[in-house]
Amino acid sequence: MIKVTHRLWYCKADKASGKPIIIQDLEKGTTTNTDCVDMKNINIRMAFKNSQGKAKASGATTILEVYKDE
C-alpha cells in the first residue's frame, strides 16, 4: 500500500522569514518552515487544486504530496 507521508507548499506570507516552504509531516503530526527540502527514495504527486486544511486556509492551491511504499 502507498500512503501520503508529507505535504509541501510555498507560503507567500512566510517569504520575509526566509523559510517560505512548509513541510507537513502527516506521520508525526508536525509542520515545519524551511528554505530547502531534500528527500530521497520517494514518490511524489503534485496537482492543481488539491489543497486542504492549513494549506488551503493559507491560500495554497497546489500541494506536493510525498508517498512511501509500505
PDB file of N, CA and C in Angstrom:
ATOM      1  N   MET A   1       0.846  -1.180   0.000  1.00  0.00           N
ATOM      2  CA  MET A   1       0.000   0.000   0.000  1.00  0.00           C
ATOM      3  C   MET A   1       0.893   1.245   0.000  1.00  0.00           C
ATOM      4  N   ILE A   2       0.460   2.249  -0.745  1.00  0.00           N
ATOM      5  CA  ILE A   2       1.173   3.520  -0.805  1.00  0.00           C
ATOM      6  C   ILE A   2       0.357   4.550  -0.030  1.00  0.00           C
ATOM      7  N   LYS A   3       1.031   5.322   0.846  1.00  0.00           N
ATOM      8  CA  LYS A   3       0.302   6.354   1.583  1.00  0.00           C
ATOM      9  C   LYS A   3       1.084   7.663   1.599  1.00  0.00           C
ATOM     10  N   VAL A   4       0.333   8.757   1.688  1.00  0.00           N
ATOM     11  CA  VAL A   4       0.952  10.089   1.745  1.00  0.00           C
ATOM     12  C   VAL A   4       1.577  10.262   3.120  1.00  0.00           C
ATOM     13  N   THR A   5       2.855  10.634   3.170  1.00  0.00           N
ATOM     14  CA  THR A   5       3.544  10.847   4.436  1.00  0.00           C
ATOM     15  C   THR A   5       3.812  12.323   4.712  1.00  0.00           C
ATOM     16  N   HIS A   6       3.927  13.133   3.646  1.00  0.00           N
ATOM     17  CA  HIS A   6       4.222  14.562   3.783  1.00  0.00           C
ATOM     18  C   HIS A   6       3.454  15.352   2.735  1.00  0.00           C
ATOM     19  N   ARG A   7       3.161  16.590   3.062  1.00  0.00           N
ATOM     20  CA  ARG A   7       2.631  17.552   2.102  1.00  0.00           C
ATOM     21  C   ARG A   7       3.527  18.783   2.171  1.00  0.00           C
ATOM     22  N   LEU A   8       3.854  19.353   1.009  1.00  0.00           N
ATOM     23  CA  LEU A   8       4.724  20.529   0.945  1.00  0.00           C
ATOM     24  C   LEU A   8       4.072  21.613   0.106  1.00  0.00           C
ATOM     25  N   TRP A   9       4.225  22.878   0.542  1.00  0.00           N
ATOM     26  CA  TRP A   9       3.722  24.002  -0.232  1.00  0.00           C
ATOM     27  C   TRP A   9       4.503  25.257   0.101  1.00  0.00           C
ATOM     28  N   TYR A  10       4.369  26.250  -0.783  1.00  0.00           N
ATOM     29  CA  TYR A  10       5.000  27.560  -0.613  1.00  0.00           C
ATOM     30  C   TYR A  10       3.998  28.496   0.055  1.00  0.00           C
ATOM     31  N   CYS A  11       4.441  29.249   1.044  1.00  0.00           N
ATOM     32  CA  CYS A  11       3.579  30.198   1.741  1.00  0.00           C
ATOM     33  C   CYS A  11       4.145  31.610   1.554  1.00  0.00           C
ATOM     34  N   LYS A  12       3.478  32.411   0.747  1.00  0.00           N
ATOM     35  CA  LYS A  12       3.944  33.770   0.452  1.00  0.00           C
ATOM     36  C   LYS A  12       4.076  34.617   1.719  1.00  0.00           C
ATOM     37  N   ALA A  13       3.171  34.411   2.685  1.00  0.00           N
ATOM     38  CA  ALA A  13       3.214  35.187   3.929  1.00  0.00           C
ATOM     39  C   ALA A  13       4.489  34.921   4.732  1.00  0.00           C
ATOM     40  N   ASP A  14       5.112  33.767   4.545  1.00  0.00           N
ATOM     41  CA  ASP A  14       6.345  33.419   5.261  1.00  0.00           C
ATOM     42  C   ASP A  14       7.614  33.758   4.472  1.00  0.00           C
ATOM     43  N   LYS A  15       7.474  34.392   3.296  1.00  0.00           N
ATOM     44  CA  LYS A  15       8.631  34.719   2.459  1.00  0.00           C
ATOM     45  C   LYS A  15       9.634  35.600   3.193  1.00  0.00           C
ATOM     46  N   ALA A  16       9.160  36.590   3.934  1.00  0.00           N
ATOM     47  CA  ALA A  16      10.046  37.507   4.648  1.00  0.00           C
ATOM     48  C   ALA A  16      10.866  36.804   5.728  1.00  0.00           C
ATOM     49  N   SER A  17      10.381  35.682   6.235  1.00  0.00           N
ATOM     50  CA  SER A  17      11.116  34.948   7.273  1.00  0.00           C
ATOM     51  C   SER A  17      12.328  34.215   6.697  1.00  0.00           C
ATOM     52  N   GLY A  18      12.350  34.074   5.364  1.00  0.00           N
ATOM     53  CA  GLY A  18      13.435  33.332   4.723  1.00  0.00           C
ATOM     54  C   GLY A  18      13.166  31.834   4.684  1.00  0.00           C
ATOM     55  N   LYS A  19      12.034  31.410   5.227  1.00  0.00           N
ATOM     56  CA  LYS A  19      11.672  29.989   5.226  1.00  0.00           C
ATOM     57  C   LYS A  19      10.218  29.831   4.777  1.00  0.00           C
ATOM     58  N   PRO A  20       9.961  30.064   3.472  1.00  0.00           N
ATOM     59  CA  PRO A  20       8.583  30.058   2.984  1.00  0.00           C
ATOM     60  C   PRO A  20       8.041  28.693   2.548  1.00  0.00           C
ATOM     61  N   ILE A  21       8.846  27.653   2.651  1.00  0.00           N
ATOM     62  CA  ILE A  21       8.379  26.314   2.280  1.00  0.00           C
ATOM     63  C   ILE A  21       7.861  25.623   3.533  1.00  0.00           C
ATOM     64  N   ILE A  22       6.627  25.141   3.468  1.00  0.00           N
ATOM     65  CA  ILE A  22       6.009  24.456   4.597  1.00  0.00           C
ATOM     66  C   ILE A  22       6.068  22.959   4.350  1.00  0.00           C
ATOM     67  N   ILE A  23       6.532  22.211   5.347  1.00  0.00           N
ATOM     68  CA  ILE A  23       6.541  20.748   5.281  1.00  0.00           C
ATOM     69  C   ILE A  23       5.617  20.240   6.374  1.00  0.00           C
ATOM     70  N   GLN A  24       4.563  19.552   5.965  1.00  0.00           N
ATOM     71  CA  GLN A  24       3.625  18.958   6.914  1.00  0.00           C
ATOM     72  C   GLN A  24       3.918  17.463   6.972  1.00  0.00           C
ATOM     73  N   ASP A  25       4.377  16.994   8.119  1.00  0.00           N
ATOM     74  CA  ASP A  25       4.665  15.577   8.331  1.00  0.00           C
ATOM     75  C   ASP A  25       3.401  14.924   8.874  1.00  0.00           C
ATOM     76  N   LEU A  26       2.729  14.151   8.053  1.00  0.00           N
ATOM     77  CA  LEU A  26       1.460  13.547   8.443  1.00  0.00           C
ATOM     78  C   LEU A  26       1.623  12.410   9.444  1.00  0.00           C
ATOM     79  N   GLU A  27       2.775  11.762   9.460  1.00  0.00           N
ATOM     80  CA  GLU A  27       3.017  10.678  10.411  1.00  0.00           C
ATOM     81  C   GLU A  27       3.270  11.209  11.819  1.00  0.00           C
ATOM     82  N   LYS A  28       4.025  12.309  11.912  1.00  0.00           N
ATOM     83  CA  LYS A  28       4.357  12.896  13.216  1.00  0.00           C
ATOM     84  C   LYS A  28       3.339  13.941  13.662  1.00  0.00           C
ATOM     85  N   GLY A  29       2.545  14.452  12.723  1.00  0.00           N
ATOM     86  CA  GLY A  29       1.581  15.491  13.049  1.00  0.00           C
ATOM     87  C   GLY A  29       2.225  16.853  13.266  1.00  0.00           C
ATOM     88  N   THR A  30       3.363  17.101  12.587  1.00  0.00           N
ATOM     89  CA  THR A  30       4.086  18.361  12.759  1.00  0.00           C
ATOM     90  C   THR A  30       4.110  19.167  11.457  1.00  0.00           C
ATOM     91  N   THR A  31       4.346  20.461  11.601  1.00  0.00           N
ATOM     92  CA  THR A  31       4.515  21.361  10.462  1.00  0.00           C
ATOM     93  C   THR A  31       5.786  22.160  10.695  1.00  0.00           C
ATOM     94  N   THR A  32       6.629  22.259   9.656  1.00  0.00           N
ATOM     95  CA  THR A  32       7.921  22.931   9.757  1.00  0.00           C
ATOM     96  C   THR A  32       8.097  23.899   8.595  1.00  0.00           C
ATOM     97  N   ASN A  33       8.672  25.062   8.870  1.00  0.00           N
ATOM     98  CA  ASN A  33       9.044  26.007   7.816  1.00  0.00           C
ATOM     99  C   ASN A  33      10.514  25.803   7.475  1.00  0.00           C
ATOM    100  N   THR A  34      10.852  25.906   6.186  1.00  0.00           N
ATOM    101  CA  THR A  34      12.234  25.736   5.751  1.00  0.00           C
ATOM    102  C   THR A  34      12.475  26.526   4.469  1.00  0.00           C
ATOM    103  N   ASP A  35      13.741  26.564   4.041  1.00  0.00           N
ATOM    104  CA  ASP A  35      14.071  27.198   2.772  1.00  0.00           C
ATOM    105  C   ASP A  35      14.576  26.185   1.754  1.00  0.00           C
ATOM    106  N   CYS A  36      14.659  24.909   2.162  1.00  0.00           N
ATOM    107  CA  CYS A  36      15.186  23.865   1.285  1.00  0.00           C
ATOM    108  C   CYS A  36      14.615  22.509   1.705  1.00  0.00           C
ATOM    109  N   VAL A  37      14.349  21.660   0.736  1.00  0.00           N
ATOM    110  CA  VAL A  37      13.839  20.320   1.022  1.00  0.00           C
ATOM    111  C   VAL A  37      14.700  19.319   0.266  1.00  0.00           C
ATOM    112  N   ASP A  38      15.156  18.290   0.963  1.00  0.00           N
ATOM    113  CA  ASP A  38      15.947  17.231   0.346  1.00  0.00           C
ATOM    114  C   ASP A  38      15.439  15.891   0.880  1.00  0.00           C
ATOM    115  N   MET A  39      14.773  15.130   0.038  1.00  0.00           N
ATOM    116  CA  MET A  39      14.255  13.816   0.422  1.00  0.00           C
ATOM    117  C   MET A  39      14.746  12.798  -0.599  1.00  0.00           C
ATOM    118  N   LYS A  40      14.982  11.587  -0.160  1.00  0.00           N
ATOM    119  CA  LYS A  40      15.482  10.539  -1.053  1.00  0.00           C
ATOM    120  C   LYS A  40      14.549   9.343  -1.045  1.00  0.00           C
ATOM    121  N   ASN A  41      14.553   8.622  -2.164  1.00  0.00           N
ATOM    122  CA  ASN A  41      13.773   7.389  -2.317  1.00  0.00           C
ATOM    123  C   ASN A  41      12.293   7.592  -2.034  1.00  0.00           C
ATOM    124  N   ILE A  42      11.708   8.551  -2.734  1.00  0.00           N
ATOM    125  CA  ILE A  42      10.295   8.875  -2.527  1.00  0.00           C
ATOM    126  C   ILE A  42       9.549   8.880  -3.857  1.00  0.00           C
ATOM    127  N   ASN A  43       8.249   8.845  -3.778  1.00  0.00           N
ATOM    128  CA  ASN A  43       7.364   9.048  -4.918  1.00  0.00           C
ATOM    129  C   ASN A  43       6.601  10.328  -4.623  1.00  0.00           C
ATOM    130  N   ILE A  44       6.379  11.145  -5.664  1.00  0.00           N
ATOM    131  CA  ILE A  44       5.674  12.406  -5.438  1.00  0.00           C
ATOM    132  C   ILE A  44       4.489  12.556  -6.388  1.00  0.00           C
ATOM    133  N   ARG A  45       3.572  13.406  -5.982  1.00  0.00           N
ATOM    134  CA  ARG A  45       2.421  13.776  -6.810  1.00  0.00           C
ATOM    135  C   ARG A  45       2.159  15.255  -6.549  1.00  0.00           C
ATOM    136  N   MET A  46       1.930  16.003  -7.629  1.00  0.00           N
ATOM    137  CA  MET A  46       1.590  17.412  -7.483  1.00  0.00           C
ATOM    138  C   MET A  46       0.398  17.690  -8.386  1.00  0.00           C
ATOM    139  N   ALA A  47      -0.618  18.328  -7.825  1.00  0.00           N
ATOM    140  CA  ALA A  47      -1.814  18.607  -8.609  1.00  0.00           C
ATOM    141  C   ALA A  47      -2.370  19.976  -8.244  1.00  0.00           C
ATOM    142  N   PHE A  48      -2.946  20.647  -9.230  1.00  0.00           N
ATOM    143  CA  PHE A  48      -3.588  21.937  -9.013  1.00  0.00           C
ATOM    144  C   PHE A  48      -4.925  21.706  -8.319  1.00  0.00           C
ATOM    145  N   LYS A  49      -5.232  22.551  -7.350  1.00  0.00           N
ATOM    146  CA  LYS A  49      -6.474  22.497  -6.573  1.00  0.00           C
ATOM    147  C   LYS A  49      -6.601  21.217  -5.746  1.00  0.00           C
ATOM    148  N   ASN A  50      -5.495  20.768  -5.146  1.00  0.00           N
ATOM    149  CA  ASN A  50      -5.555  19.590  -4.268  1.00  0.00           C
ATOM    150  C   ASN A  50      -5.279  19.949  -2.811  1.00  0.00           C
ATOM    151  N   SER A  51      -5.332  21.247  -2.487  1.00  0.00           N
ATOM    152  CA  SER A  51      -5.016  21.667  -1.114  1.00  0.00           C
ATOM    153  C   SER A  51      -6.167  21.376  -0.162  1.00  0.00           C
ATOM    154  N   GLN A  52      -5.792  21.255   1.114  1.00  0.00           N
ATOM    155  CA  GLN A  52      -6.777  21.029   2.168  1.00  0.00           C
ATOM    156  C   GLN A  52      -6.212  21.533   3.485  1.00  0.00           C
ATOM    157  N   GLY A  53      -7.067  21.674   4.470  1.00  0.00           N
ATOM    158  CA  GLY A  53      -6.636  22.072   5.811  1.00  0.00           C
ATOM    159  C   GLY A  53      -5.894  23.388   5.869  1.00  0.00           C
ATOM    160  N   LYS A  54      -4.771  23.380   6.610  1.00  0.00           N
ATOM    161  CA  LYS A  54      -3.977  24.591   6.837  1.00  0.00           C
ATOM    162  C   LYS A  54      -3.445  25.181   5.532  1.00  0.00           C
ATOM    163  N   ALA A  55      -3.047  24.326   4.607  1.00  0.00           N
ATOM    164  CA  ALA A  55      -2.525  24.805   3.325  1.00  0.00           C
ATOM    165  C   ALA A  55      -3.595  25.577   2.556  1.00  0.00           C
ATOM    166  N   LYS A  56      -4.787  25.035   2.518  1.00  0.00           N
ATOM    167  CA  LYS A  56      -5.884  25.692   1.813  1.00  0.00           C
ATOM    168  C   LYS A  56      -6.253  27.002   2.498  1.00  0.00           C
ATOM    169  N   ALA A  57      -6.269  26.999   3.818  1.00  0.00           N
ATOM    170  CA  ALA A  57      -6.605  28.203   4.580  1.00  0.00           C
ATOM    171  C   ALA A  57      -5.590  29.326   4.339  1.00  0.00           C
ATOM    172  N   SER A  58      -4.337  28.952   4.063  1.00  0.00           N
ATOM    173  CA  SER A  58      -3.314  29.975   3.831  1.00  0.00           C
ATOM    174  C   SER A  58      -3.270  30.426   2.378  1.00  0.00           C
ATOM    175  N   GLY A  59      -4.143  29.863   1.535  1.00  0.00           N
ATOM    176  CA  GLY A  59      -4.221  30.296   0.148  1.00  0.00           C
ATOM    177  C   GLY A  59      -3.501  29.403  -0.847  1.00  0.00           C
ATOM    178  N   ALA A  60      -2.873  28.340  -0.390  1.00  0.00           N
ATOM    179  CA  ALA A  60      -2.171  27.424  -1.304  1.00  0.00           C
ATOM    180  C   ALA A  60      -3.192  26.688  -2.161  1.00  0.00           C
ATOM    181  N   THR A  61      -2.891  26.541  -3.442  1.00  0.00           N
ATOM    182  CA  THR A  61      -3.790  25.828  -4.348  1.00  0.00           C
ATOM    183  C   THR A  61      -3.160  24.568  -4.915  1.00  0.00           C
ATOM    184  N   THR A  62      -1.846  24.464  -4.820  1.00  0.00           N
ATOM    185  CA  THR A  62      -1.132  23.334  -5.404  1.00  0.00           C
ATOM    186  C   THR A  62      -0.175  22.768  -4.367  1.00  0.00           C
ATOM    187  N   ILE A  63      -0.367  21.497  -4.006  1.00  0.00           N
ATOM    188  CA  ILE A  63       0.404  20.860  -2.945  1.00  0.00           C
ATOM    189  C   ILE A  63       1.212  19.704  -3.524  1.00  0.00           C
ATOM    190  N   LEU A  64       2.470  19.592  -3.104  1.00  0.00           N
ATOM    191  CA  LEU A  64       3.303  18.449  -3.450  1.00  0.00           C
ATOM    192  C   LEU A  64       3.088  17.386  -2.383  1.00  0.00           C
ATOM    193  N   GLU A  65       2.637  16.209  -2.777  1.00  0.00           N
ATOM    194  CA  GLU A  65       2.409  15.105  -1.842  1.00  0.00           C
ATOM    195  C   GLU A  65       3.539  14.098  -1.989  1.00  0.00           C
ATOM    196  N   VAL A  66       4.103  13.680  -0.872  1.00  0.00           N
ATOM    197  CA  VAL A  66       5.199  12.710  -0.830  1.00  0.00           C
ATOM    198  C   VAL A  66       4.646  11.383  -0.344  1.00  0.00           C
ATOM    199  N   TYR A  67       4.924  10.328  -1.079  1.00  0.00           N
ATOM    200  CA  TYR A  67       4.439   8.988  -0.750  1.00  0.00           C
ATOM    201  C   TYR A  67       5.597   8.065  -0.403  1.00  0.00           C
ATOM    202  N   LYS A  68       5.299   7.055   0.397  1.00  0.00           N
ATOM    203  CA  LYS A  68       6.278   5.984   0.606  1.00  0.00           C
ATOM    204  C   LYS A  68       5.562   4.657   0.466  1.00  0.00           C
ATOM    205  N   ASP A  69       6.278   3.681  -0.039  1.00  0.00           N
ATOM    206  CA  ASP A  69       5.729   2.334  -0.176  1.00  0.00           C
ATOM    207  C   ASP A  69       5.745   1.642   1.160  1.00  0.00           C
ATOM    208  N   GLU A  70       4.698   0.896   1.451  1.00  0.00           N
ATOM    209  CA  GLU A  70       4.660   0.125   2.697  1.00  0.00           C
ATOM    210  C   GLU A  70       4.527  -1.340   2.379  1.00  0.00           C
TER     211      GLU A  70
END
